[in-house]
Amino acid sequence: MNLTISILILIKERWGSGVVKQLSLDLRREFPDADGFSVSNLWYMKKWYCFYTQKEAVQKLQRPVAELESEKLQRAVGELERAKFMQNEGTLPSIFTSVPWGQHVDIITKCHSIQEALFYIRQVVDKGLSRPALQNCIKADLYSHQGKIVNNFTEKLPDLQSKLVQDVLKENYDFGFATVGHEIYDEAELEEALTKNVTDLLLEMGTGFAFIGRQKEVLVGGRSRKIDLLFYHIRLRCFVACELKAKPFEPEFVGKLNFYVNAVDELLKAPEDNPTIGLLICSNMDSTDVQWSFRGLGTPMGVATHNNIRIKDALPSKELLEERMRLLQKEMHTTKRLIRKKGE
C-alpha cells in the first residue's frame, strides 16, 4: 500500500496523460510480476486519492463524527483527520488496507460523499462483502436506507421499547451466506438455505437474537399453524415472529403475520415478556404499500428486505470437468489400443 500511495503522490505532482502513460510502462517494466499498473488503473488511483484528500471532503469528514454510531468508523475518521489523510507520511488508516482495490474503485466511482464511502468500507470489512455483493448493496442504496426499517413501532410500543426495537432491526438483511438451487425459488427453499447456516443467520440478524425454530407450530382453534422463523431477543425481552417471502411485498402478508404475532402473545409469551414483534422480510417493497397496510393493525411490526441470495451453479465444477476429461481420454486410449490389436 505504501508503494501505491507513493504513486498517487507522484501522479499528483506531475499530472498529465503523457506522464501517466509513461509511468504505467515504467512500473510494469520495474515490477513485471505485479498487477494493477495499467493506465486506467493509475487514473483510478488518482481519483481515489483526490476523493479522500480534497479540502471539501476533509471538512465534511469533521462534522458528522459525533453522529456516527460505529466506534471503529469514528476511529477511522479520526485517523484521516489527524494524519491529514496520508499527505505527509504516505500511510493509510488501517481500515482502508482491509478493503480490496476493486471494491475501492466501486466505492469512489459510485458514492457521493465521504460518509457514504466510509459506510460501504465498513460493510466490506465487517461482512467480508465480495465485489458483486458490494455492488448490489450500492445499487440498493443501502446507505440511504440504513436503520430505516418501515414500521409502526412508535404507535404500538412504549417510547423506550420502540427506540430499542428500531435500533435492533435492520432495513435490509444480507443473506449472501445462503445458496438456493435455482434463480426462481420459494419460501421453503429460502428457509432451508438460511437455517442450514444458523450461525451466519444469527450473525446477520444481530446481537441478542436466539433462534427458537423454523416452522414453529402453534395450535389455534384446534388447527396447526406454522411460523416461518421464531426468535427471542434477549435485550428486548420479547419474541420476534419472522415471515420470509421470496417475492416483493403484498398487503395480505401483513394480515398473516399479524395473526402469528397475536398467537405467540397468547400461547408463548410469559407475563414478564414484552409484546411480540412481527418481522416480515421480502425481496422488495414499496414503503407506501407497507404504511397503508399498517393502518388499523393492532400489533407492532416491521417490514424489511433481503438481498444477495446466491444461486447454485448449474454447471459442473472445474474439478469434476477435469475428472471427466481424464476418464474420456482414458477410454479413448483404451479404444485405440483395442483397434490396433484387432488390426494385428
Protein backbone atom coordinates (compact mmCIF):
# COMPACT_ATOMS: atom_id res chain seq x y z
CA MET A 1 0.00 0.00 0.00
CA ASN A 2 2.86 2.42 0.70
CA LEU A 3 4.00 1.91 -2.89
CA THR A 4 0.52 2.78 -4.14
CA ILE A 5 0.47 5.93 -2.04
CA SER A 6 3.87 6.96 -3.39
CA ILE A 7 2.49 6.51 -6.90
CA LEU A 8 -0.51 8.64 -6.05
CA ILE A 9 1.65 11.45 -4.69
CA LEU A 10 3.93 11.29 -7.72
CA ILE A 11 0.97 11.45 -10.09
CA LYS A 12 -0.46 14.37 -8.14
CA GLU A 13 2.78 16.33 -8.51
CA ARG A 14 3.40 15.56 -12.20
CA TRP A 15 -0.13 15.15 -13.53
CA GLY A 16 -0.70 14.69 -17.24
CA SER A 17 -1.86 11.94 -19.60
CA GLY A 18 1.57 11.51 -21.20
CA VAL A 19 3.26 11.20 -17.82
CA VAL A 20 0.71 8.64 -16.66
CA LYS A 21 1.18 6.52 -19.76
CA GLN A 22 4.96 6.56 -19.35
CA LEU A 23 4.64 5.89 -15.62
CA SER A 24 2.49 2.85 -16.40
CA LEU A 25 5.15 1.50 -18.76
CA ASP A 26 7.94 2.16 -16.26
CA LEU A 27 6.11 0.46 -13.40
CA ARG A 28 5.22 -2.61 -15.41
CA ARG A 29 8.83 -2.87 -16.56
CA GLU A 30 10.11 -2.45 -12.99
CA PHE A 31 7.55 -4.82 -11.44
CA PRO A 32 6.73 -7.40 -14.15
CA ASP A 33 5.06 -9.78 -11.69
CA ALA A 34 2.75 -7.15 -10.20
CA ASP A 35 -0.73 -6.32 -11.47
CA GLY A 36 -2.59 -3.03 -11.33
CA PHE A 37 -0.30 -0.63 -13.17
CA SER A 38 -2.39 -0.11 -16.30
CA VAL A 39 -3.05 3.47 -17.41
CA SER A 40 -6.73 3.22 -16.48
CA ASN A 41 -5.88 1.88 -13.04
CA LEU A 42 -3.42 4.72 -12.39
CA TRP A 43 -6.18 7.17 -13.24
CA TYR A 44 -8.38 5.35 -10.72
CA MET A 45 -5.59 5.77 -8.15
CA LYS A 46 -5.56 9.49 -8.81
CA LYS A 47 -9.35 9.65 -8.49
CA TRP A 48 -9.18 7.65 -5.24
CA TYR A 49 -6.51 9.99 -3.85
CA CYS A 50 -8.46 13.12 -4.77
CA PHE A 51 -11.72 11.73 -3.41
CA TYR A 52 -10.31 11.41 0.09
CA THR A 53 -7.94 14.42 0.14
CA GLN A 54 -9.97 17.25 -1.37
CA LYS A 55 -10.45 20.08 1.10
CA GLU A 56 -14.23 19.95 0.93
CA ALA A 57 -14.20 16.24 1.68
CA VAL A 58 -11.99 16.68 4.74
CA GLN A 59 -14.33 19.42 6.02
CA LYS A 60 -17.29 17.10 5.58
CA LEU A 61 -15.40 14.43 7.48
CA GLN A 62 -15.02 16.66 10.50
CA ARG A 63 -18.73 17.35 11.04
CA PRO A 64 -20.50 14.03 11.44
CA VAL A 65 -18.01 12.15 13.61
CA ALA A 66 -20.13 12.51 16.75
CA GLU A 67 -23.15 11.26 14.85
CA LEU A 68 -21.54 8.06 13.60
CA GLU A 69 -22.66 5.02 15.57
CA SER A 70 -19.76 2.76 14.71
CA GLU A 71 -16.87 3.22 17.10
CA LYS A 72 -14.41 1.79 14.58
CA LEU A 73 -15.74 4.11 11.91
CA GLN A 74 -15.26 7.10 14.22
CA ARG A 75 -11.71 5.96 14.83
CA ALA A 76 -11.11 5.69 11.09
CA VAL A 77 -12.40 9.21 10.52
CA GLY A 78 -10.22 10.45 13.36
CA GLU A 79 -7.18 8.83 11.78
CA LEU A 80 -7.97 10.52 8.49
CA GLU A 81 -8.08 13.93 10.12
CA ARG A 82 -5.05 13.52 12.39
CA ALA A 83 -2.87 12.23 9.57
CA LYS A 84 -4.36 14.68 7.05
CA PHE A 85 -5.07 11.53 5.16
CA MET A 86 -1.59 10.41 4.25
CA GLN A 87 -0.45 13.62 2.57
CA ASN A 88 2.57 13.93 4.81
CA GLU A 89 3.56 10.42 5.84
CA GLY A 90 2.24 8.32 2.94
CA THR A 91 0.39 5.92 5.24
CA LEU A 92 -3.22 4.76 5.36
CA PRO A 93 -5.70 4.29 8.21
CA SER A 94 -5.77 0.56 8.88
CA ILE A 95 -9.41 0.15 7.86
CA PHE A 96 -8.56 1.04 4.25
CA THR A 97 -5.93 -1.67 3.89
CA SER A 98 -8.56 -4.33 4.66
CA VAL A 99 -10.55 -3.48 1.52
CA PRO A 100 -9.51 -4.96 -1.87
CA TRP A 101 -8.69 -2.45 -4.59
CA GLY A 102 -11.61 -3.49 -6.80
CA GLN A 103 -14.05 -2.60 -4.03
CA HIS A 104 -12.27 0.74 -3.52
CA VAL A 105 -12.84 1.54 -7.21
CA ASP A 106 -16.56 0.77 -6.94
CA ILE A 107 -16.88 2.90 -3.83
CA ILE A 108 -15.18 6.03 -5.18
CA THR A 109 -16.95 5.85 -8.54
CA LYS A 110 -20.44 5.31 -7.14
CA CYS A 111 -20.52 7.12 -3.79
CA HIS A 112 -21.31 10.82 -3.47
CA SER A 113 -19.80 11.61 -0.08
CA ILE A 114 -17.10 10.60 2.37
CA GLN A 115 -19.75 9.41 4.82
CA GLU A 116 -21.29 7.12 2.22
CA ALA A 117 -17.89 5.78 1.16
CA LEU A 118 -16.88 5.01 4.75
CA PHE A 119 -20.21 3.28 5.33
CA TYR A 120 -19.54 0.85 2.48
CA ILE A 121 -15.92 0.39 3.53
CA ARG A 122 -17.18 -0.67 6.95
CA GLN A 123 -19.68 -3.04 5.28
CA VAL A 124 -16.85 -4.69 3.33
CA VAL A 125 -14.65 -5.02 6.43
CA ASP A 126 -17.37 -6.20 8.84
CA LYS A 127 -19.20 -8.57 6.49
CA GLY A 128 -16.44 -9.60 4.09
CA LEU A 129 -18.53 -8.49 1.12
CA SER A 130 -17.39 -9.74 -2.26
CA ARG A 131 -17.25 -7.23 -5.09
CA PRO A 132 -20.60 -8.33 -6.60
CA ALA A 133 -22.21 -8.21 -3.13
CA LEU A 134 -20.88 -4.69 -2.57
CA GLN A 135 -22.19 -3.61 -5.97
CA ASN A 136 -25.62 -4.97 -5.06
CA CYS A 137 -25.59 -3.04 -1.77
CA ILE A 138 -24.65 0.20 -3.51
CA LYS A 139 -27.27 -0.37 -6.21
CA ALA A 140 -29.91 -0.93 -3.50
CA ASP A 141 -28.71 2.31 -1.83
CA LEU A 142 -28.20 0.56 1.48
CA TYR A 143 -26.51 3.68 2.86
CA SER A 144 -29.62 5.85 2.46
CA HIS A 145 -31.89 3.22 3.96
CA GLN A 146 -29.73 2.13 6.90
CA GLY A 147 -31.68 1.90 10.15
CA LYS A 148 -34.93 2.93 8.47
CA ILE A 149 -36.99 -0.22 8.64
CA VAL A 150 -40.59 0.59 7.73
CA ASN A 151 -42.58 0.01 10.92
CA ASN A 152 -45.40 1.03 13.24
CA PHE A 153 -43.39 0.71 16.46
CA THR A 154 -43.91 4.33 17.51
CA GLU A 155 -47.68 3.82 17.58
CA LYS A 156 -47.71 0.32 19.08
CA LEU A 157 -44.90 0.30 21.66
CA PRO A 158 -43.79 2.47 24.60
CA ASP A 159 -41.22 5.09 23.59
CA LEU A 160 -38.16 3.33 25.04
CA GLN A 161 -39.08 -0.11 23.65
CA SER A 162 -39.91 1.43 20.27
CA LYS A 163 -36.47 3.04 20.07
CA LEU A 164 -34.72 -0.17 21.14
CA VAL A 165 -36.56 -2.26 18.56
CA GLN A 166 -35.76 0.21 15.77
CA ASP A 167 -32.10 0.09 16.79
CA VAL A 168 -32.10 -3.72 16.65
CA LEU A 169 -33.98 -4.43 13.41
CA LYS A 170 -32.45 -3.69 10.02
CA GLU A 171 -33.96 -2.26 6.87
CA ASN A 172 -32.13 -4.83 4.76
CA TYR A 173 -30.71 -8.27 5.54
CA ASP A 174 -27.72 -9.63 3.64
CA PHE A 175 -28.39 -13.33 3.02
CA GLY A 176 -25.22 -13.82 0.99
CA PHE A 177 -24.36 -16.88 3.09
CA ALA A 178 -27.42 -18.75 1.76
CA THR A 179 -27.49 -20.69 -1.52
CA VAL A 180 -30.60 -21.79 -3.41
CA GLY A 181 -30.75 -24.20 -6.32
CA HIS A 182 -32.36 -22.01 -8.96
CA GLU A 183 -32.95 -18.36 -9.78
CA ILE A 184 -36.68 -18.88 -9.13
CA TYR A 185 -37.17 -20.27 -5.61
CA ASP A 186 -39.90 -20.36 -2.98
CA GLU A 187 -40.08 -19.57 0.72
CA ALA A 188 -39.46 -23.17 1.77
CA GLU A 189 -36.19 -23.30 -0.16
CA LEU A 190 -35.15 -19.93 1.25
CA GLU A 191 -35.88 -21.09 4.81
CA GLU A 192 -33.89 -24.27 4.23
CA ALA A 193 -30.91 -22.31 2.91
CA LEU A 194 -30.96 -19.91 5.86
CA THR A 195 -31.39 -22.48 8.61
CA LYS A 196 -28.60 -24.65 7.21
CA ASN A 197 -26.37 -21.76 8.28
CA VAL A 198 -27.93 -20.80 11.62
CA THR A 199 -24.71 -19.25 12.92
CA ASP A 200 -24.46 -16.96 9.90
CA LEU A 201 -28.18 -16.20 10.14
CA LEU A 202 -27.86 -15.12 13.77
CA LEU A 203 -24.79 -13.02 12.98
CA GLU A 204 -26.76 -11.22 10.26
CA MET A 205 -29.81 -10.74 12.48
CA GLY A 206 -27.59 -9.07 15.06
CA THR A 207 -26.53 -9.33 18.69
CA GLY A 208 -29.13 -10.66 21.10
CA PHE A 209 -31.14 -12.93 18.81
CA ALA A 210 -31.74 -16.52 19.93
CA PHE A 211 -33.12 -18.96 17.35
CA ILE A 212 -36.21 -20.81 18.59
CA GLY A 213 -37.06 -22.73 15.45
CA ARG A 214 -38.13 -22.99 11.84
CA GLN A 215 -41.80 -23.69 11.02
CA LYS A 216 -42.61 -23.27 14.70
CA GLU A 217 -46.01 -24.84 15.33
CA VAL A 218 -48.76 -23.06 17.26
CA LEU A 219 -52.21 -24.60 17.79
CA VAL A 220 -55.07 -22.15 17.34
CA GLY A 221 -58.68 -23.32 17.43
CA GLY A 222 -57.55 -26.92 17.11
CA ARG A 223 -55.64 -26.18 13.89
CA SER A 224 -51.88 -26.29 13.44
CA ARG A 225 -50.27 -23.06 12.24
CA LYS A 226 -46.58 -22.71 11.47
CA ILE A 227 -44.38 -19.62 11.79
CA ASP A 228 -41.52 -19.44 9.29
CA LEU A 229 -38.83 -18.43 11.81
CA LEU A 230 -39.23 -17.68 15.50
CA PHE A 231 -36.60 -15.83 17.54
CA TYR A 232 -36.33 -14.49 21.08
CA HIS A 233 -34.36 -11.31 21.63
CA ILE A 234 -32.52 -11.22 24.94
CA ARG A 235 -32.15 -7.44 25.28
CA LEU A 236 -35.64 -6.62 24.03
CA ARG A 237 -37.10 -9.40 26.19
CA CYS A 238 -39.59 -10.39 23.53
CA PHE A 239 -40.31 -12.93 20.81
CA VAL A 240 -39.76 -11.96 17.17
CA ALA A 241 -42.03 -13.79 14.73
CA CYS A 242 -40.46 -13.68 11.28
CA GLU A 243 -42.15 -14.35 7.95
CA LEU A 244 -39.95 -14.83 4.87
CA LYS A 245 -41.04 -14.02 1.34
CA ALA A 246 -39.14 -14.81 -1.84
CA LYS A 247 -41.12 -12.14 -3.69
CA PRO A 248 -41.97 -8.42 -3.28
CA PHE A 249 -44.29 -7.18 -0.55
CA GLU A 250 -48.05 -7.70 -0.84
CA PRO A 251 -50.55 -6.17 1.64
CA GLU A 252 -52.01 -9.58 2.55
CA PHE A 253 -48.64 -10.63 4.03
CA VAL A 254 -49.26 -8.24 6.94
CA GLY A 255 -52.55 -9.88 7.94
CA LYS A 256 -50.97 -13.31 8.18
CA LEU A 257 -48.03 -12.07 10.26
CA ASN A 258 -50.43 -10.12 12.49
CA PHE A 259 -52.19 -13.42 13.23
CA TYR A 260 -48.90 -15.12 14.15
CA VAL A 261 -47.84 -12.27 16.43
CA ASN A 262 -51.16 -12.50 18.29
CA ALA A 263 -50.79 -16.29 18.54
CA VAL A 264 -47.31 -16.01 20.08
CA ASP A 265 -48.55 -13.37 22.53
CA GLU A 266 -51.40 -15.64 23.63
CA LEU A 267 -49.63 -19.00 23.65
CA LEU A 268 -45.89 -18.48 24.21
CA LYS A 269 -45.28 -15.07 25.76
CA ALA A 270 -44.62 -15.03 29.51
CA PRO A 271 -46.15 -12.29 31.71
CA GLU A 272 -42.75 -10.63 32.12
CA ASP A 273 -42.05 -10.58 28.36
CA ASN A 274 -42.59 -7.50 26.23
CA PRO A 275 -45.08 -7.64 23.33
CA THR A 276 -44.06 -9.88 20.43
CA ILE A 277 -42.63 -8.15 17.36
CA GLY A 278 -43.54 -9.13 13.81
CA LEU A 279 -40.77 -9.01 11.20
CA LEU A 280 -41.60 -9.52 7.53
CA ILE A 281 -38.61 -9.93 5.19
CA CYS A 282 -39.40 -9.66 1.45
CA SER A 283 -37.34 -9.43 -1.72
CA ASN A 284 -38.54 -5.86 -2.29
CA MET A 285 -41.21 -3.43 -1.13
CA ASP A 286 -42.88 -0.09 -1.63
CA SER A 287 -42.96 1.88 1.63
CA THR A 288 -46.35 3.44 0.84
CA ASP A 289 -47.90 0.00 0.37
CA VAL A 290 -46.45 -1.07 3.71
CA GLN A 291 -47.59 2.01 5.63
CA TRP A 292 -51.12 1.74 4.32
CA SER A 293 -51.17 -1.94 5.25
CA PHE A 294 -50.27 -0.98 8.83
CA ARG A 295 -53.38 1.18 9.27
CA GLY A 296 -55.77 -0.40 11.74
CA LEU A 297 -53.21 -3.06 12.68
CA GLY A 298 -53.04 -3.91 16.37
CA THR A 299 -49.57 -5.46 16.63
CA PRO A 300 -46.04 -3.98 16.38
CA MET A 301 -44.49 -4.90 13.05
CA GLY A 302 -41.62 -4.02 10.72
CA VAL A 303 -41.04 -4.84 7.06
CA ALA A 304 -37.51 -5.32 5.71
CA THR A 305 -35.91 -6.60 2.52
CA HIS A 306 -33.25 -9.21 1.80
CA ASN A 307 -30.59 -9.45 -0.90
CA ASN A 308 -27.51 -11.32 -2.16
CA ILE A 309 -29.08 -14.80 -2.17
CA ARG A 310 -26.61 -17.00 -4.06
CA ILE A 311 -27.73 -19.23 -6.92
CA LYS A 312 -26.06 -22.63 -7.06
CA ASP A 313 -24.01 -23.00 -10.23
CA ALA A 314 -25.84 -25.39 -12.55
CA LEU A 315 -22.61 -26.24 -14.39
CA PRO A 316 -20.21 -28.94 -13.14
CA SER A 317 -17.27 -27.73 -11.09
CA LYS A 318 -13.82 -27.33 -12.62
CA GLU A 319 -12.60 -30.38 -10.73
CA LEU A 320 -15.49 -32.51 -11.99
CA LEU A 321 -14.91 -31.41 -15.59
CA GLU A 322 -11.21 -32.25 -15.31
CA GLU A 323 -12.05 -35.68 -13.90
CA ARG A 324 -14.48 -36.33 -16.74
CA MET A 325 -11.83 -35.29 -19.27
CA ARG A 326 -9.33 -37.71 -17.73
CA LEU A 327 -11.85 -40.56 -17.91
CA LEU A 328 -12.71 -39.70 -21.52
CA GLN A 329 -9.04 -39.64 -22.52
CA LYS A 330 -8.51 -42.97 -20.77
CA GLU A 331 -11.46 -44.50 -22.64
CA MET A 332 -10.18 -43.15 -25.97
CA HIS A 333 -6.71 -44.56 -25.28
CA THR A 334 -8.19 -47.98 -24.43
CA THR A 335 -10.36 -47.94 -27.56
CA LYS A 336 -7.40 -47.09 -29.81
CA ARG A 337 -5.35 -49.89 -28.27
CA LEU A 338 -8.14 -52.40 -28.89
CA ILE A 339 -8.45 -51.25 -32.50
CA ARG A 340 -4.71 -51.68 -33.04
CA LYS A 341 -4.82 -55.19 -31.57
CA LYS A 342 -7.67 -56.18 -33.89
CA GLY A 343 -5.66 -54.84 -36.85
CA GLU A 344 -2.72 -57.02 -35.93
